[in-house]
Protein backbone atom coordinates (compact mmCIF):
# COMPACT_ATOMS: atom_id res chain seq x y z
CA MET A 1 125.96 0.07 44.72
CA VAL A 2 126.84 -3.22 46.18
CA ILE A 3 123.99 -5.45 46.40
CA THR A 4 124.57 -8.44 49.07
CA SER A 5 121.61 -10.05 49.84
CA PRO A 6 117.67 -10.73 48.23
CA THR A 7 116.24 -8.44 50.68
CA LEU A 8 118.32 -5.53 49.45
CA PHE A 9 117.80 -6.58 45.91
CA ALA A 10 114.09 -6.40 46.69
CA ARG A 11 114.60 -2.42 48.36
CA THR A 12 116.36 -1.24 45.60
CA ARG A 13 113.83 0.34 42.51
CA GLY A 14 115.88 0.27 39.15
CA GLY A 15 119.05 1.70 38.74
CA ASP A 16 121.33 3.82 40.93
CA LYS A 17 120.73 7.38 39.72
CA TYR A 18 124.13 8.45 41.58
CA TRP A 19 126.43 5.97 39.62
CA LYS A 20 124.26 6.44 36.26
CA ARG A 21 125.24 10.35 36.41
CA ARG A 22 129.11 9.49 37.99
CA ARG A 23 129.72 7.43 34.80
CA VAL A 24 128.39 10.79 32.53
CA PHE A 25 130.34 12.86 34.57
CA SER A 26 133.30 11.17 34.64
CA LEU A 27 133.25 11.10 30.75
CA THR A 28 132.85 14.98 30.71
CA ALA A 29 135.32 15.78 33.48
CA HIS A 30 137.42 17.24 30.37
CA PHE A 31 134.69 19.81 29.53
CA TYR A 32 133.83 23.42 30.28
CA GLY A 33 131.44 25.04 31.93
CA ARG A 34 128.05 23.80 32.46
CA LYS A 35 128.65 20.76 29.76
CA LYS A 36 130.87 19.87 33.02
CA ASN A 37 128.30 20.24 35.64
CA CYS A 38 125.03 20.02 34.41
CA TYR A 39 123.75 16.37 33.63
CA THR A 40 121.21 17.52 31.38
CA SER A 41 123.93 19.39 29.11
CA ALA A 42 126.40 16.80 29.72
CA ILE A 43 124.62 13.93 28.68
CA ARG A 44 123.81 15.76 24.95
CA TYR A 45 127.67 16.69 24.77
CA VAL A 46 129.10 12.93 25.78
CA HIS A 47 126.73 11.88 23.17
CA ARG A 48 127.83 13.91 20.46
CA ALA A 49 131.83 13.65 21.32
CA LEU A 50 130.89 9.62 21.61
CA GLN A 51 129.97 9.94 18.10
CA TYR A 52 132.96 11.80 17.26
CA ASN A 53 135.14 9.53 18.75
CA THR A 54 133.46 6.88 16.45
CA LEU A 55 134.13 8.73 13.25
CA ALA A 56 137.87 9.21 14.60
CA ARG A 57 138.26 5.38 14.68
CA GLN A 58 137.21 5.08 11.86
CA LEU A 59 139.52 8.26 10.03
CA LYS A 60 142.57 6.57 12.00
CA LYS A 61 141.88 3.39 10.21
CA ARG A 62 141.83 4.64 6.50
CA ASP A 63 144.68 7.48 7.42
CA LEU A 64 146.92 4.14 8.20
CA LYS A 65 145.86 2.43 5.20
CA GLU A 66 147.13 5.02 3.31
CA LEU A 67 149.99 6.21 5.05
CA TYR A 68 151.07 2.35 4.56
CA ASP A 69 150.66 2.31 1.23
CA THR A 70 152.61 5.48 0.36
CA ARG A 71 155.78 3.42 2.43
CA ILE A 72 155.53 0.72 0.44
CA THR A 73 155.10 1.96 -2.97
CA ALA A 74 158.23 4.37 -2.31
CA ALA A 75 160.21 1.59 -0.99
CA CYS A 76 158.66 -0.20 -4.45
CA THR A 77 159.88 1.92 -6.59
CA GLU A 78 163.22 2.70 -5.23
CA LEU A 79 163.60 -0.89 -5.87
CA GLY A 80 162.26 -0.77 -9.39
CA THR A 81 158.85 -2.39 -8.94
CA GLN A 82 155.01 -1.40 -8.49
CA TYR A 83 153.49 -2.49 -5.03
CA THR A 84 150.38 -3.49 -7.10
CA ASP A 85 152.36 -6.02 -9.25
CA MET A 86 154.39 -7.13 -6.30
CA LYS A 87 151.28 -7.46 -4.10
CA SER A 88 149.50 -9.98 -6.55
CA VAL A 89 152.31 -11.71 -7.45
CA LEU A 90 152.76 -12.58 -3.34
CA ASP A 91 149.49 -13.44 -3.11
CA ASN A 92 149.57 -15.58 -5.91
CA THR A 93 152.48 -17.56 -4.50
CA ASN A 94 150.67 -17.89 -1.14
CA ILE A 95 153.31 -15.29 0.44
CA ALA A 96 150.72 -13.59 3.06
CA LEU A 97 151.86 -10.22 4.35
CA ASP A 98 149.68 -7.39 5.00
CA ARG A 99 150.11 -3.60 4.92
CA GLY A 100 151.56 -3.30 8.12
CA ILE A 101 154.22 -6.21 7.93
CA LEU A 102 155.08 -4.65 4.55
CA GLN A 103 155.22 -1.34 5.47
CA ASN A 104 157.73 -2.06 8.40
CA LEU A 105 159.63 -4.79 6.53
CA ALA A 106 160.40 -1.37 3.79
CA ILE A 107 161.33 1.13 7.12
CA TRP A 108 162.99 -1.31 9.20
CA GLU A 109 164.58 -4.07 7.27
CA PRO A 110 164.90 -3.15 3.83
CA ARG A 111 166.98 -6.03 3.25
CA SER A 112 164.05 -8.35 3.49
CA PHE A 113 161.95 -6.15 1.88
CA ARG A 114 164.62 -6.51 -0.94
CA ALA A 115 164.47 -10.37 -0.58
CA LEU A 116 160.85 -9.97 -1.23
CA THR A 117 160.58 -7.98 -3.78
CA LEU A 118 163.19 -10.21 -5.58
CA VAL A 119 161.04 -13.23 -4.97
CA ALA A 120 158.35 -10.99 -6.57
CA LYS A 121 160.25 -10.13 -9.49
CA ALA A 122 161.34 -13.61 -10.04
CA LYS A 123 157.73 -14.93 -9.90
CA GLN A 124 156.41 -12.37 -12.04
CA ALA A 125 158.72 -13.45 -14.87
CA GLU A 126 158.36 -17.15 -14.17
CA LEU A 127 154.25 -16.15 -14.53
CA GLY A 128 155.34 -14.30 -17.43
CA LEU A 129 154.14 -16.99 -19.95
CA ASN A 130 150.97 -16.48 -19.11
CA SER A 131 150.51 -12.91 -19.54
CA LEU A 132 150.27 -10.54 -22.36
CA GLU A 133 153.46 -8.72 -22.13
CA GLY A 134 155.38 -12.36 -21.97
CA PRO A 135 157.20 -14.15 -24.71
CA SER A 136 154.86 -15.80 -27.28
CA PRO A 137 155.53 -19.60 -27.44
CA ALA A 138 157.68 -20.64 -30.53
CA GLY A 139 155.41 -22.43 -33.35
CA VAL A 140 151.77 -20.86 -32.32
CA ILE A 141 149.84 -18.13 -34.53
CA THR A 142 147.64 -16.47 -32.20
CA ARG A 143 144.95 -13.94 -33.64
CA GLY A 144 147.06 -10.79 -32.11
CA MET A 145 149.93 -12.46 -34.39
CA LEU A 146 147.85 -11.51 -37.66
């Protein structure tokens, strides 16, 4: 309802019942039977449908993360690296790419993804001096050597 003057605003009491019901019925347009036509039933079913909708959005995000991780892991194993190692090295070298971008690179631009893995391998070899797997410096004796 359109209120064009203060006089008409004063005449209206509360919200307009028609538009309130119409909003609910527009959400139940694809339902069957009484839950589409009866207002009290429609409210219940709309409320439940909106709860499932919220849950579905969260599940969609979780499923997409799993799909991205699976695709990136497959591309990394194809190139001889591990996704967790590659991601940590890329984070350390300030290359900020999220899962979605990495999986797009892995699928649609394999040469760019291969270049990223080569960068990650090179940085990992360079940082290998600080890790346990890397070579120990000459002339230094540690407890692990004893």
